[in-house]
Amino acid sequence: MKHNDWKERLNIVYSTNPDFQYETDKIEEIETSPKEKQNLRISLDKRNRGGKKVTLITGFVGKDEDLQDLGKQLKVKCGVGGSAKNGEIIIQGDFREKICEILLKTGYQKSKII
């Protein structure tokens, strides 16, 4: 049975070309770089957070699942909440030194505090 992909072709009315390929908006995920090549930057952020301090980890290159796993690992080891999305990990509170130590121990050699 042929897969019905009519929802992917909503903007196409008709094509007479027999070799026409429908273009979809699928985004290719970037492969996660090895830990040794990740250039993570750790900083303290207070902007737009109602005066609360958060530790911000930026510079992660890779799949969203791997970012979520790293964020969860850091949240558990620090014992606080946070989130991981859009290539950033947000940890509630000022844990720059502790997070830097954790990242260096787990193999992220290029991690640094800004």
Protein backbone atom coordinates (compact mmCIF):
# COMPACT_ATOMS: atom_id res chain seq x y z
CA MET A 1 0.00 0.00 0.00
CA LYS A 2 1.36 3.41 -0.97
CA HIS A 3 2.01 5.91 1.81
CA ASN A 4 -0.54 8.74 1.62
CA ASP A 5 1.55 11.91 1.91
CA TRP A 6 -1.07 14.44 0.84
CA LYS A 7 -0.39 16.62 3.89
CA GLU A 8 3.20 17.06 2.74
CA ARG A 9 1.99 18.26 -0.68
CA LEU A 10 -0.59 20.85 0.36
CA ASN A 11 1.04 23.73 -1.54
CA ILE A 12 1.49 21.76 -4.80
CA VAL A 13 -1.42 21.98 -7.19
CA TYR A 14 -0.26 19.88 -10.15
CA SER A 15 2.95 18.90 -11.92
CA THR A 16 3.27 17.40 -15.41
CA ASN A 17 6.90 16.43 -14.91
CA PRO A 18 7.06 12.64 -14.31
CA ASP A 19 10.38 13.01 -12.44
CA PHE A 20 9.15 15.77 -10.13
CA GLN A 21 10.12 15.27 -6.49
CA TYR A 22 8.07 16.94 -3.81
CA GLU A 23 10.19 19.00 -1.46
CA THR A 24 9.33 18.68 2.18
CA ASP A 25 10.45 20.85 5.08
CA LYS A 26 12.30 18.07 6.86
CA ILE A 27 15.27 19.37 8.80
CA GLU A 28 18.32 17.17 8.86
CA GLU A 29 19.70 16.77 12.35
CA ILE A 30 23.33 17.58 12.92
CA GLU A 31 25.48 14.74 14.16
CA THR A 32 26.73 15.25 17.69
CA SER A 33 30.39 16.20 17.81
CA PRO A 34 32.69 14.17 20.09
CA LYS A 35 33.03 15.41 23.66
CA GLU A 36 36.65 16.42 23.10
CA LYS A 37 35.67 18.78 20.26
CA GLN A 38 32.69 20.43 21.96
CA ASN A 39 33.46 24.06 22.83
CA LEU A 40 31.10 24.68 25.76
CA ARG A 41 30.93 28.10 27.41
CA ILE A 42 29.58 28.47 30.94
CA SER A 43 28.25 31.83 32.08
CA LEU A 44 26.02 33.43 34.70
CA ASP A 45 22.88 35.10 33.40
CA LYS A 46 20.41 37.37 35.22
CA ARG A 47 18.71 39.11 32.29
CA ASN A 48 14.95 38.74 31.82
CA ARG A 49 14.68 36.34 34.75
CA GLY A 50 13.22 38.54 37.45
CA GLY A 51 16.55 38.98 39.23
CA LYS A 52 17.12 35.21 39.56
CA LYS A 53 20.53 33.82 38.67
CA VAL A 54 20.93 30.95 36.22
CA THR A 55 23.97 29.16 34.88
CA LEU A 56 23.90 29.12 31.09
CA ILE A 57 25.83 26.52 29.07
CA THR A 58 26.08 27.38 25.36
CA GLY A 59 27.99 26.12 22.33
CA PHE A 60 26.63 22.55 22.18
CA VAL A 61 26.64 21.12 18.65
CA GLY A 62 24.57 18.02 18.08
CA LYS A 63 21.25 16.25 18.36
CA ASP A 64 18.55 17.52 20.66
CA GLU A 65 18.39 14.16 22.48
CA ASP A 66 22.07 14.41 23.41
CA LEU A 67 21.55 17.97 24.65
CA GLN A 68 18.63 16.79 26.77
CA ASP A 69 20.73 13.95 28.23
CA LEU A 70 23.59 16.29 29.14
CA GLY A 71 21.15 18.78 30.67
CA LYS A 72 19.51 16.08 32.75
CA GLN A 73 22.90 14.82 33.95
CA LEU A 74 23.93 18.33 35.04
CA LYS A 75 20.61 19.01 36.77
CA VAL A 76 20.83 15.75 38.73
CA LYS A 77 24.44 16.33 39.80
CA CYS A 78 23.68 19.90 40.92
CA GLY A 79 20.38 18.94 42.52
CA VAL A 80 18.42 21.77 40.92
CA GLY A 81 16.00 22.38 38.06
CA GLY A 82 16.57 23.75 34.63
CA SER A 83 15.95 23.15 30.94
CA ALA A 84 17.76 22.23 27.74
CA LYS A 85 16.60 23.60 24.38
CA ASN A 86 17.80 25.53 21.34
CA GLY A 87 21.43 24.49 21.92
CA GLU A 88 21.49 25.91 25.47
CA ILE A 89 21.31 24.35 28.90
CA ILE A 90 19.88 26.48 31.71
CA ILE A 91 20.60 25.44 35.31
CA GLN A 92 18.87 27.35 38.11
CA GLY A 93 21.36 29.06 40.43
CA ASP A 94 25.06 29.91 40.27
CA PHE A 95 26.85 26.59 39.66
CA ARG A 96 29.57 27.70 37.22
CA GLU A 97 32.52 26.12 39.05
CA LYS A 98 30.72 22.86 39.80
CA ILE A 99 29.44 22.48 36.24
CA CYS A 100 32.88 23.21 34.82
CA GLU A 101 34.38 20.46 37.00
CA ILE A 102 31.64 18.00 36.01
CA LEU A 103 32.09 18.72 32.30
CA LEU A 104 35.88 18.37 32.48
CA LYS A 105 35.56 15.04 34.32
CA THR A 106 33.10 13.68 31.75
CA GLY A 107 35.36 14.48 28.79
CA TYR A 108 34.37 17.97 27.63
CA GLN A 109 37.95 19.26 27.64
CA LYS A 110 37.24 22.61 25.93
CA SER A 111 34.72 23.78 28.56
CA LYS A 112 35.44 27.19 30.04
CA ILE A 113 33.82 29.77 32.29
CA ILE A 114 33.17 33.15 30.70
